[in-house]
Amino acid sequence: MKVILVHHVDALKAEQDPQRHISAKGHAQAERLAARFKALGLAPVRILHSDAQWVTDTAVVIAEKMGLANRAAKAAYPINTGDAVAPFLAEIAASKGDLMMCGHIDYLLRAVAKIVCGDEQRKVFDFKPGNGTAVCIEGEGNEWSITWAWRQDHAAG
């Protein structure tokens, strides 16, 4: 099973847009991520996101560009800074296929650490803020490893 964790793309500042939709740069970043994911043959059964507008926008653009618009869904549990990762781990364990989570840096850092080494306080990966950084972990049960990672500044254009 694959779990792909994606930090949201570039968003507008609150002064520009109080809801903080993704910017034109962020939209292009999300489209590049979707193209990359599609080229890798990814087809997650769910593309989860928080209720923050910029995170929702990130997930929706990725899902639409991958032809998986019906798979984007707000997580049924909170996934913001400081929220427990246990519900996400339970969803992974119950999933019948690959999952993608678009979220916030603190939550994603703790989730990948908990999945890979069992200690959510341990740093095993770093996301570049507002950049659409993605990491893929593969495994099952208690056996997981990071198989690839990608940042926008690694893109050719």
Protein backbone atom coordinates (compact mmCIF):
# COMPACT_ATOMS: atom_id res chain seq x y z
CA MET A 1 0.00 0.00 0.00
CA LYS A 2 1.11 3.55 -0.72
CA VAL A 3 0.40 6.62 1.40
CA ILE A 4 1.24 9.91 -0.29
CA LEU A 5 1.53 12.94 1.98
CA VAL A 6 1.34 16.35 0.30
CA HIS A 7 1.99 19.71 1.90
CA HIS A 8 -0.36 22.32 0.44
CA VAL A 9 0.76 24.56 -2.40
CA ASP A 10 1.24 28.34 -2.43
CA ALA A 11 -1.77 30.32 -1.17
CA LEU A 12 -2.82 33.93 -1.27
CA LYS A 13 -2.17 36.06 1.82
CA ALA A 14 -5.18 36.83 4.04
CA GLU A 15 -4.97 40.51 3.00
CA GLN A 16 -5.45 39.46 -0.64
CA ASP A 17 -8.14 36.86 0.04
CA PRO A 18 -9.59 36.30 3.51
CA GLN A 19 -10.43 32.67 2.61
CA ARG A 20 -6.87 32.12 1.35
CA HIS A 21 -7.49 30.25 -1.88
CA ILE A 22 -4.42 28.97 -3.68
CA SER A 23 -2.58 31.47 -5.84
CA ALA A 24 -1.93 31.18 -9.59
CA LYS A 25 1.52 29.86 -8.65
CA GLY A 26 -0.12 27.36 -6.29
CA HIS A 27 -2.54 26.24 -8.99
CA ALA A 28 0.41 25.55 -11.32
CA GLN A 29 2.19 23.69 -8.49
CA ALA A 30 -0.88 21.51 -7.87
CA GLU A 31 -1.18 20.75 -11.59
CA ARG A 32 2.51 19.72 -11.73
CA LEU A 33 1.98 17.44 -8.73
CA ALA A 34 -1.04 15.86 -10.40
CA ALA A 35 0.91 15.29 -13.62
CA ARG A 36 3.75 13.74 -11.65
CA PHE A 37 1.39 11.48 -9.69
CA LYS A 38 -0.44 10.44 -12.84
CA ALA A 39 2.87 9.64 -14.59
CA LEU A 40 3.77 7.44 -11.62
CA GLY A 41 0.48 5.54 -12.05
CA LEU A 42 -0.95 6.65 -8.72
CA ALA A 43 -4.69 6.30 -8.23
CA PRO A 44 -5.46 6.72 -4.52
CA VAL A 45 -8.89 5.55 -3.39
CA ARG A 46 -9.20 8.75 -1.32
CA ILE A 47 -7.52 12.13 -1.41
CA LEU A 48 -8.04 13.53 2.06
CA HIS A 49 -7.70 17.17 3.09
CA SER A 50 -8.41 19.55 5.97
CA ASP A 51 -11.11 22.20 5.92
CA ALA A 52 -8.61 25.03 5.33
CA GLN A 53 -9.42 26.55 1.93
CA TRP A 54 -5.85 26.40 0.56
CA VAL A 55 -5.52 22.74 1.52
CA THR A 56 -8.93 21.91 0.06
CA ASP A 57 -7.98 23.73 -3.15
CA THR A 58 -4.70 21.78 -3.34
CA ALA A 59 -6.48 18.44 -3.00
CA VAL A 60 -9.29 19.34 -5.42
CA VAL A 61 -6.95 20.56 -8.19
CA ILE A 62 -4.79 17.44 -7.83
CA ALA A 63 -7.83 15.15 -7.84
CA GLU A 64 -9.41 16.86 -10.86
CA LYS A 65 -6.20 16.83 -12.90
CA MET A 66 -5.71 13.14 -12.10
CA GLY A 67 -9.27 12.37 -13.21
CA LEU A 68 -10.19 11.44 -9.63
CA ALA A 69 -12.41 14.40 -8.67
CA ASN A 70 -14.88 12.14 -6.83
CA ARG A 71 -12.11 10.88 -4.52
CA ALA A 72 -11.26 14.20 -2.83
CA ALA A 73 -12.82 14.39 0.63
CA LYS A 74 -12.47 16.34 3.84
CA ALA A 75 -10.99 14.07 6.49
CA ALA A 76 -13.61 12.91 9.00
CA TYR A 77 -11.25 13.92 11.82
CA PRO A 78 -9.19 17.04 12.48
CA ILE A 79 -5.79 17.13 10.76
CA ASN A 80 -4.43 20.48 11.86
CA THR A 81 -1.39 21.39 13.96
CA GLY A 82 -1.43 19.40 17.19
CA ASP A 83 -4.27 17.05 16.19
CA ALA A 84 -3.86 13.33 16.87
CA VAL A 85 -2.56 11.21 13.98
CA ALA A 86 -4.19 8.03 15.35
CA PRO A 87 -7.42 8.46 13.32
CA PHE A 88 -5.38 8.74 10.12
CA LEU A 89 -3.41 5.62 11.03
CA ALA A 90 -6.70 3.79 11.61
CA GLU A 91 -7.94 4.90 8.20
CA ILE A 92 -4.72 3.64 6.60
CA ALA A 93 -5.14 0.27 8.32
CA ALA A 94 -8.75 -0.03 7.13
CA SER A 95 -8.15 1.23 3.58
CA LYS A 96 -8.65 -1.05 0.60
CA GLY A 97 -6.17 0.93 -1.48
CA ASP A 98 -3.65 3.74 -1.61
CA LEU A 99 -4.38 7.00 0.23
CA MET A 100 -3.30 10.59 -0.29
CA MET A 101 -3.37 13.24 2.43
CA CYS A 102 -3.07 16.95 1.60
CA GLY A 103 -2.42 18.83 4.78
CA HIS A 104 -0.46 21.05 7.10
CA ILE A 105 3.23 20.71 7.83
CA ASP A 106 3.06 19.79 11.54
CA TYR A 107 0.44 17.09 11.03
CA LEU A 108 2.21 15.62 8.00
CA LEU A 109 5.59 15.57 9.77
CA ARG A 110 4.13 13.73 12.75
CA ALA A 111 2.13 11.33 10.56
CA VAL A 112 5.09 10.26 8.41
CA ALA A 113 7.28 9.83 11.51
CA LYS A 114 4.66 7.75 13.32
CA ILE A 115 4.08 5.53 10.28
CA VAL A 116 7.75 5.04 9.40
CA CYS A 117 9.35 4.67 12.83
CA GLY A 118 6.54 4.62 15.40
CA ASP A 119 7.58 7.90 17.04
CA GLU A 120 5.74 10.99 15.82
CA GLN A 121 8.26 13.29 17.55
CA ARG A 122 11.15 11.95 15.50
CA LYS A 123 12.04 13.84 12.32
CA VAL A 124 12.26 11.50 9.34
CA PHE A 125 11.35 13.92 6.55
CA ASP A 126 11.02 17.65 5.94
CA PHE A 127 8.47 19.51 3.82
CA LYS A 128 9.28 22.81 2.11
CA PRO A 129 6.46 25.16 3.20
CA GLY A 130 3.93 26.32 0.58
CA ASN A 131 5.72 24.36 -2.09
CA GLY A 132 3.61 21.29 -2.71
CA THR A 133 6.24 18.92 -1.33
CA ALA A 134 5.17 15.27 -1.50
CA VAL A 135 6.48 12.08 0.07
CA CYS A 136 5.38 8.53 -0.62
CA ILE A 137 5.62 5.80 1.97
CA GLU A 138 4.93 2.18 1.20
CA GLY A 139 4.25 -0.82 3.37
CA GLU A 140 1.74 -2.45 5.64
CA GLY A 141 1.27 -3.11 9.34
CA ASN A 142 4.40 -1.92 11.13
CA GLU A 143 6.70 -2.21 8.10
CA TRP A 144 6.86 1.09 6.21
CA SER A 145 9.54 2.97 4.33
CA ILE A 146 9.87 6.19 2.38
CA THR A 147 10.08 5.24 -1.29
CA TRP A 148 10.27 8.66 -2.94
CA ALA A 149 9.87 12.37 -2.32
CA TRP A 150 9.41 15.34 -4.64
CA ARG A 151 9.56 19.12 -4.32
CA GLN A 152 8.46 21.78 -6.80
CA ASP A 153 11.98 23.16 -7.02
CA HIS A 154 13.02 19.75 -8.35
CA ALA A 155 10.71 20.28 -11.33
CA ALA A 156 12.15 21.16 -14.71
CA GLY A 157 9.80 24.08 -15.23
